[in-house]
Amino acid sequence: MSQPVPSPIPVLIDNAPPRRTQITGALAILACAACCTLPLLIAAGLLTGAGAAFLEQTLLAVAAGLAALALGMWWLHRRRSTKRASASCRCASTTCGC
């Protein structure tokens, strides 16, 4: 009689972004939202046109940098978790799907 084939060890890959990526992404959204409030600050007289132009360019650069940083950290996290999951697979058969 043949023996039942043992089930393969499930490979768990963490697809959720880590906390540092979520915080960096939230800061990028906050910088973008602050950039959108500049016309209101000009209309209220709290900011001049020249100050708004400088602040707009700065906030756009900060938002783009933070977004790129968040995406890079998430990519690095997924790469490491995939490598860790594939290294933990110890099945002898090549058909286990590890």
N, C-alpha and C. Protein backbone atom coordinates (compact mmCIF):
# COMPACT_ATOMS: atom_id res chain seq x y z
N MET A 1 0.83 -1.17 0.00
CA MET A 1 0.00 0.00 0.00
C MET A 1 0.88 1.25 0.00
N SER A 2 0.44 2.25 -0.68
CA SER A 2 1.25 3.47 -0.74
C SER A 2 0.92 4.38 0.44
N GLN A 3 1.92 5.11 0.84
CA GLN A 3 1.76 6.04 1.95
C GLN A 3 1.20 7.36 1.43
N PRO A 4 0.40 8.02 2.23
CA PRO A 4 -0.11 9.33 1.79
C PRO A 4 1.04 10.34 1.74
N VAL A 5 0.95 11.21 0.77
CA VAL A 5 1.98 12.24 0.60
C VAL A 5 1.75 13.32 1.65
N PRO A 6 2.79 13.66 2.40
CA PRO A 6 2.61 14.70 3.41
C PRO A 6 2.31 16.04 2.75
N SER A 7 1.45 16.79 3.40
CA SER A 7 1.11 18.10 2.84
C SER A 7 2.30 19.04 2.98
N PRO A 8 2.49 19.91 2.00
CA PRO A 8 3.63 20.83 2.06
C PRO A 8 3.44 21.87 3.16
N ILE A 9 4.53 22.40 3.61
CA ILE A 9 4.50 23.46 4.61
C ILE A 9 4.00 24.72 3.92
N PRO A 10 2.95 25.35 4.47
CA PRO A 10 2.46 26.55 3.81
C PRO A 10 3.49 27.68 3.90
N VAL A 11 3.66 28.36 2.79
CA VAL A 11 4.59 29.48 2.74
C VAL A 11 3.79 30.76 2.95
N LEU A 12 4.09 31.46 4.02
CA LEU A 12 3.38 32.69 4.33
C LEU A 12 4.24 33.88 3.97
N ILE A 13 3.73 34.67 3.06
CA ILE A 13 4.43 35.89 2.66
C ILE A 13 3.62 37.06 3.17
N ASP A 14 4.28 37.94 3.89
CA ASP A 14 3.61 39.10 4.47
C ASP A 14 3.47 40.18 3.40
N ASN A 15 2.25 40.41 2.91
CA ASN A 15 2.02 41.41 1.88
C ASN A 15 1.63 42.76 2.44
N ALA A 16 1.29 42.82 3.70
CA ALA A 16 0.87 44.09 4.30
C ALA A 16 2.07 45.01 4.48
N PRO A 17 1.87 46.29 4.26
CA PRO A 17 2.99 47.22 4.46
C PRO A 17 3.32 47.34 5.94
N PRO A 18 4.61 47.44 6.27
CA PRO A 18 4.98 47.59 7.68
C PRO A 18 4.60 48.97 8.20
N ARG A 19 4.68 49.13 9.50
CA ARG A 19 4.26 50.37 10.15
C ARG A 19 5.04 51.58 9.63
N ARG A 20 6.35 51.44 9.43
CA ARG A 20 7.15 52.58 8.98
C ARG A 20 6.73 53.03 7.59
N THR A 21 6.29 52.11 6.74
CA THR A 21 5.81 52.47 5.42
C THR A 21 4.47 53.20 5.51
N GLN A 22 3.61 52.76 6.39
CA GLN A 22 2.32 53.41 6.57
C GLN A 22 2.49 54.83 7.09
N ILE A 23 3.42 55.02 8.02
CA ILE A 23 3.65 56.36 8.57
C ILE A 23 4.25 57.28 7.51
N THR A 24 5.20 56.78 6.73
CA THR A 24 5.80 57.59 5.68
C THR A 24 4.77 57.95 4.62
N GLY A 25 3.92 57.01 4.26
CA GLY A 25 2.86 57.30 3.29
C GLY A 25 1.87 58.32 3.83
N ALA A 26 1.54 58.23 5.11
CA ALA A 26 0.63 59.21 5.72
C ALA A 26 1.25 60.60 5.74
N LEU A 27 2.55 60.68 5.98
CA LEU A 27 3.23 61.98 5.95
C LEU A 27 3.25 62.56 4.54
N ALA A 28 3.38 61.70 3.53
CA ALA A 28 3.33 62.17 2.14
C ALA A 28 1.95 62.72 1.81
N ILE A 29 0.92 62.05 2.28
CA ILE A 29 -0.45 62.53 2.06
C ILE A 29 -0.68 63.85 2.79
N LEU A 30 -0.13 63.96 3.99
CA LEU A 30 -0.26 65.19 4.77
C LEU A 30 0.44 66.36 4.06
N ALA A 31 1.62 66.13 3.50
CA ALA A 31 2.33 67.18 2.77
C ALA A 31 1.55 67.59 1.52
N CYS A 32 0.94 66.63 0.87
CA CYS A 32 0.14 66.93 -0.31
C CYS A 32 -1.11 67.73 0.07
N ALA A 33 -1.73 67.36 1.18
CA ALA A 33 -2.91 68.10 1.66
C ALA A 33 -2.53 69.51 2.07
N ALA A 34 -1.37 69.68 2.67
CA ALA A 34 -0.92 71.02 3.05
C ALA A 34 -0.70 71.87 1.81
N CYS A 35 -0.23 71.27 0.75
CA CYS A 35 -0.04 71.99 -0.51
C CYS A 35 -1.38 72.46 -1.08
N CYS A 36 -2.41 71.67 -0.89
CA CYS A 36 -3.73 72.03 -1.40
C CYS A 36 -4.38 73.15 -0.59
N THR A 37 -3.92 73.38 0.63
CA THR A 37 -4.50 74.44 1.45
C THR A 37 -3.83 75.79 1.23
N LEU A 38 -2.80 75.85 0.41
CA LEU A 38 -2.09 77.10 0.17
C LEU A 38 -2.99 78.21 -0.39
N PRO A 39 -3.88 77.94 -1.35
CA PRO A 39 -4.75 79.02 -1.82
C PRO A 39 -5.64 79.60 -0.71
N LEU A 40 -6.05 78.76 0.22
CA LEU A 40 -6.85 79.26 1.34
C LEU A 40 -6.03 80.17 2.25
N LEU A 41 -4.76 79.80 2.45
CA LEU A 41 -3.89 80.64 3.28
C LEU A 41 -3.59 81.98 2.62
N ILE A 42 -3.48 81.98 1.29
CA ILE A 42 -3.28 83.24 0.56
C ILE A 42 -4.53 84.11 0.66
N ALA A 43 -5.70 83.49 0.48
CA ALA A 43 -6.96 84.25 0.54
C ALA A 43 -7.20 84.81 1.94
N ALA A 44 -6.74 84.10 2.96
CA ALA A 44 -6.92 84.58 4.33
C ALA A 44 -5.90 85.65 4.69
N GLY A 45 -4.92 85.86 3.84
CA GLY A 45 -3.90 86.87 4.11
C GLY A 45 -2.79 86.39 5.01
N LEU A 46 -2.70 85.10 5.24
CA LEU A 46 -1.67 84.56 6.11
C LEU A 46 -0.37 84.26 5.37
N LEU A 47 -0.44 84.28 4.05
CA LEU A 47 0.72 83.91 3.25
C LEU A 47 0.76 84.79 2.00
N THR A 48 1.94 85.23 1.63
CA THR A 48 2.08 86.03 0.41
C THR A 48 2.23 85.12 -0.79
N GLY A 49 2.15 85.71 -1.98
CA GLY A 49 2.29 84.93 -3.20
C GLY A 49 3.67 84.31 -3.34
N ALA A 50 4.71 85.06 -3.00
CA ALA A 50 6.07 84.54 -3.11
C ALA A 50 6.31 83.42 -2.09
N GLY A 51 5.81 83.61 -0.89
CA GLY A 51 5.95 82.57 0.14
C GLY A 51 5.20 81.31 -0.24
N ALA A 52 4.04 81.49 -0.85
CA ALA A 52 3.25 80.34 -1.28
C ALA A 52 3.94 79.58 -2.40
N ALA A 53 4.57 80.31 -3.32
CA ALA A 53 5.27 79.66 -4.44
C ALA A 53 6.43 78.83 -3.91
N PHE A 54 7.18 79.39 -2.99
CA PHE A 54 8.30 78.66 -2.40
C PHE A 54 7.79 77.46 -1.60
N LEU A 55 6.76 77.66 -0.80
CA LEU A 55 6.22 76.58 0.02
C LEU A 55 5.61 75.47 -0.83
N GLU A 56 4.99 75.87 -1.94
CA GLU A 56 4.39 74.87 -2.83
C GLU A 56 5.45 73.95 -3.42
N GLN A 57 6.53 74.52 -3.91
CA GLN A 57 7.60 73.71 -4.49
C GLN A 57 8.24 72.80 -3.44
N THR A 58 8.41 73.34 -2.25
CA THR A 58 9.00 72.55 -1.17
C THR A 58 8.09 71.40 -0.76
N LEU A 59 6.80 71.68 -0.60
CA LEU A 59 5.86 70.64 -0.19
C LEU A 59 5.71 69.56 -1.26
N LEU A 60 5.72 69.95 -2.53
CA LEU A 60 5.63 68.95 -3.60
C LEU A 60 6.86 68.05 -3.60
N ALA A 61 8.03 68.64 -3.40
CA ALA A 61 9.26 67.83 -3.37
C ALA A 61 9.26 66.90 -2.17
N VAL A 62 8.81 67.39 -1.02
CA VAL A 62 8.76 66.56 0.19
C VAL A 62 7.76 65.42 0.01
N ALA A 63 6.59 65.73 -0.55
CA ALA A 63 5.57 64.70 -0.76
C ALA A 63 6.06 63.63 -1.73
N ALA A 64 6.70 64.04 -2.81
CA ALA A 64 7.22 63.07 -3.78
C ALA A 64 8.33 62.22 -3.17
N GLY A 65 9.20 62.85 -2.40
CA GLY A 65 10.28 62.10 -1.74
C GLY A 65 9.75 61.10 -0.73
N LEU A 66 8.77 61.52 0.06
CA LEU A 66 8.19 60.60 1.06
C LEU A 66 7.44 59.45 0.39
N ALA A 67 6.74 59.73 -0.69
CA ALA A 67 6.03 58.66 -1.40
C ALA A 67 7.01 57.66 -1.98
N ALA A 68 8.09 58.15 -2.57
CA ALA A 68 9.11 57.24 -3.12
C ALA A 68 9.77 56.43 -2.01
N LEU A 69 10.02 57.06 -0.88
CA LEU A 69 10.61 56.36 0.25
C LEU A 69 9.67 55.27 0.79
N ALA A 70 8.38 55.59 0.90
CA ALA A 70 7.40 54.60 1.37
C ALA A 70 7.32 53.41 0.43
N LEU A 71 7.29 53.68 -0.87
CA LEU A 71 7.23 52.58 -1.84
C LEU A 71 8.50 51.74 -1.81
N GLY A 72 9.64 52.38 -1.65
CA GLY A 72 10.90 51.66 -1.56
C GLY A 72 10.98 50.77 -0.33
N MET A 73 10.50 51.29 0.79
CA MET A 73 10.52 50.48 2.03
C MET A 73 9.56 49.30 1.92
N TRP A 74 8.40 49.51 1.28
CA TRP A 74 7.46 48.41 1.12
C TRP A 74 8.04 47.35 0.20
N TRP A 75 8.69 47.77 -0.89
CA TRP A 75 9.30 46.82 -1.81
C TRP A 75 10.39 46.01 -1.10
N LEU A 76 11.21 46.69 -0.32
CA LEU A 76 12.27 46.01 0.41
C LEU A 76 11.70 45.02 1.43
N HIS A 77 10.63 45.40 2.10
CA HIS A 77 9.98 44.50 3.06
C HIS A 77 9.44 43.26 2.37
N ARG A 78 8.77 43.45 1.23
CA ARG A 78 8.22 42.29 0.50
C ARG A 78 9.34 41.39 -0.01
N ARG A 79 10.42 41.99 -0.47
CA ARG A 79 11.53 41.20 -0.97
C ARG A 79 12.14 40.36 0.14
N ARG A 80 12.33 40.97 1.30
CA ARG A 80 12.91 40.23 2.43
C ARG A 80 11.97 39.14 2.93
N SER A 81 10.67 39.43 3.02
CA SER A 81 9.74 38.42 3.52
C SER A 81 9.60 37.26 2.54
N THR A 82 9.67 37.53 1.24
CA THR A 82 9.62 36.46 0.25
C THR A 82 10.86 35.59 0.33
N LYS A 83 12.02 36.23 0.49
CA LYS A 83 13.26 35.48 0.60
C LYS A 83 13.27 34.64 1.88
N ARG A 84 12.77 35.21 2.96
CA ARG A 84 12.70 34.49 4.24
C ARG A 84 11.74 33.30 4.14
N ALA A 85 10.61 33.50 3.45
CA ALA A 85 9.63 32.42 3.31
C ALA A 85 10.17 31.30 2.44
N SER A 86 10.88 31.63 1.37
CA SER A 86 11.40 30.58 0.50
C SER A 86 12.57 29.85 1.16
N ALA A 87 13.31 30.52 2.04
CA ALA A 87 14.41 29.86 2.74
C ALA A 87 13.88 28.91 3.82
N SER A 88 12.69 29.17 4.32
CA SER A 88 12.15 28.31 5.37
C SER A 88 11.45 27.07 4.81
N CYS A 89 11.30 26.97 3.52
CA CYS A 89 10.64 25.82 2.90
C CYS A 89 11.63 24.65 2.87
N ARG A 90 11.27 23.57 3.51
CA ARG A 90 12.19 22.43 3.63
C ARG A 90 11.56 21.14 3.15
N CYS A 91 10.87 21.17 2.06
CA CYS A 91 10.28 19.92 1.61
C CYS A 91 11.24 19.22 0.64
N ALA A 92 11.27 17.93 0.70
CA ALA A 92 12.20 17.16 -0.11
C ALA A 92 11.70 17.01 -1.54
N SER A 93 10.42 17.09 -1.73
CA SER A 93 9.87 16.90 -3.06
C SER A 93 9.90 18.21 -3.84
N THR A 94 10.04 18.11 -5.14
CA THR A 94 10.02 19.31 -5.96
C THR A 94 8.61 19.70 -6.36
N THR A 95 7.62 18.89 -5.99
CA THR A 95 6.24 19.18 -6.36
C THR A 95 5.46 19.85 -5.23
N CYS A 96 6.15 20.26 -4.18
CA CYS A 96 5.41 20.82 -3.05
C CYS A 96 5.00 22.25 -3.27
N GLY A 97 5.58 22.96 -4.24
CA GLY A 97 5.18 24.33 -4.54
C GLY A 97 5.83 25.36 -3.66
N CYS A 98 6.95 25.05 -3.10
CA CYS A 98 7.63 26.02 -2.23
C CYS A 98 8.35 27.06 -3.04
